[in-house]
């Protein structure tokens, strides 16, 4: 990581991102990005050798209902309200959206 974030660093990033920034914006962003780097340095300095790796910050994951086979619509019921059902094929007809 660089020692500090400068306006020339912001100039380079703005050039890569094709952004036109004012001088005031460059000064503002250089300060903001420098504070982010300072915080990242603080985090890097922490001793995490005794911290177990984890895949999620919460111990308990969200639990969804179990998959169960249940009664559902029949093919005819599902197609009943379709504007142009292709009943013989069991399909919904939709307008062409790709190509001519």
Protein backbone atom coordinates (compact mmCIF):
# COMPACT_ATOMS: atom_id res chain seq x y z
CA UNK A 1 0.00 0.00 0.00
CA UNK A 2 1.26 3.49 -0.71
CA UNK A 3 2.28 5.64 2.24
CA UNK A 4 -0.54 8.06 1.48
CA UNK A 5 -3.06 8.70 -1.25
CA UNK A 6 -2.20 11.78 -3.27
CA UNK A 7 -3.94 13.90 -5.88
CA UNK A 8 -1.68 12.33 -8.52
CA UNK A 9 -3.02 8.90 -7.47
CA UNK A 10 -6.56 10.25 -7.90
CA UNK A 11 -5.56 11.68 -11.30
CA UNK A 12 -4.37 8.23 -12.39
CA UNK A 13 -7.53 6.49 -11.15
CA UNK A 14 -9.72 9.13 -12.78
CA UNK A 15 -7.87 8.62 -16.05
CA UNK A 16 -8.35 4.84 -15.86
CA UNK A 17 -12.05 5.27 -15.05
CA UNK A 18 -12.41 8.00 -17.68
CA UNK A 19 -13.71 10.47 -15.10
CA UNK A 20 -13.38 14.22 -15.40
CA UNK A 21 -12.78 15.53 -11.88
CA UNK A 22 -12.40 19.09 -10.68
CA UNK A 23 -9.41 20.07 -8.57
CA UNK A 24 -11.68 20.25 -5.52
CA UNK A 25 -12.98 16.72 -6.17
CA UNK A 26 -9.42 15.41 -6.53
CA UNK A 27 -8.48 16.95 -3.18
CA UNK A 28 -11.62 15.56 -1.53
CA UNK A 29 -11.18 12.06 -2.96
CA UNK A 30 -7.47 11.96 -2.12
CA UNK A 31 -8.31 12.68 1.53
CA UNK A 32 -11.14 10.14 1.62
CA UNK A 33 -9.08 7.42 -0.03
CA UNK A 34 -6.16 8.17 2.29
CA UNK A 35 -8.42 7.68 5.33
CA UNK A 36 -9.60 4.36 3.87
CA UNK A 37 -5.98 3.25 3.46
CA UNK A 38 -5.21 4.30 7.04
CA UNK A 39 -8.10 2.15 8.25
CA UNK A 40 -6.92 -0.78 6.10
CA UNK A 41 -3.45 -0.44 7.67
CA UNK A 42 -5.03 -0.60 11.14
CA UNK A 43 -6.88 -3.78 10.19
CA UNK A 44 -3.71 -5.33 8.72
CA UNK A 45 -1.83 -4.57 11.94
CA UNK A 46 -4.24 -6.63 14.06
CA UNK A 47 -3.05 -10.02 15.28
CA UNK A 48 -5.56 -12.48 13.87
CA UNK A 49 -3.46 -15.59 14.34
CA UNK A 50 -5.90 -17.00 16.92
CA UNK A 51 -9.02 -16.18 14.94
CA UNK A 52 -10.65 -19.11 13.18
CA UNK A 53 -11.49 -18.58 9.51
CA UNK A 54 -15.18 -18.33 8.78
CA UNK A 55 -17.34 -18.21 5.71
CA UNK A 56 -20.02 -15.99 7.25
CA UNK A 57 -20.10 -13.42 10.03
CA UNK A 58 -23.12 -15.02 11.68
CA UNK A 59 -22.87 -18.44 13.28
CA UNK A 60 -26.41 -19.39 12.33
CA UNK A 61 -27.29 -19.35 8.66
CA UNK A 62 -30.75 -18.47 7.42
CA UNK A 63 -32.86 -21.60 7.28
CA UNK A 64 -35.48 -21.96 4.59
CA UNK A 65 -38.36 -24.35 4.75
CA UNK A 66 -37.52 -27.88 3.64
CA UNK A 67 -38.40 -28.89 0.11
CA UNK A 68 -41.56 -30.93 0.08
CA UNK A 69 -43.63 -32.37 -2.72
CA UNK A 70 -47.04 -30.69 -2.53
CA UNK A 71 -50.08 -30.39 -4.72
CA UNK A 72 -49.64 -27.74 -7.36
CA UNK A 73 -51.38 -26.41 -10.44
CA UNK A 74 -52.05 -28.81 -13.24
CA UNK A 75 -50.69 -27.93 -16.64
CA UNK A 76 -54.17 -26.89 -17.76
CA UNK A 77 -54.67 -24.65 -14.73
CA UNK A 78 -51.30 -23.00 -15.27
CA UNK A 79 -52.10 -22.30 -18.91
CA UNK A 80 -55.71 -21.25 -18.29
CA UNK A 81 -54.97 -17.52 -17.92
CA UNK A 82 -52.24 -17.32 -20.54
CA UNK A 83 -53.05 -14.84 -23.35
CA UNK A 84 -52.08 -17.37 -26.05
CA UNK A 85 -51.68 -20.81 -24.54
CA UNK A 86 -50.31 -23.58 -26.74
CA UNK A 87 -52.39 -26.19 -24.93
CA UNK A 88 -51.46 -29.05 -27.25
CA UNK A 89 -47.76 -28.45 -26.52
CA UNK A 90 -48.14 -27.37 -22.89
CA UNK A 91 -46.42 -24.04 -23.53
CA UNK A 92 -47.02 -20.33 -23.09
CA UNK A 93 -46.79 -18.41 -26.34
CA UNK A 94 -44.96 -15.11 -25.96
CA UNK A 95 -44.04 -12.42 -28.46
CA UNK A 96 -40.65 -12.75 -30.07
CA UNK A 97 -38.17 -10.45 -28.29
CA UNK A 98 -34.89 -11.44 -29.96
CA UNK A 99 -34.28 -11.37 -33.68
CA UNK A 100 -36.67 -10.44 -36.39
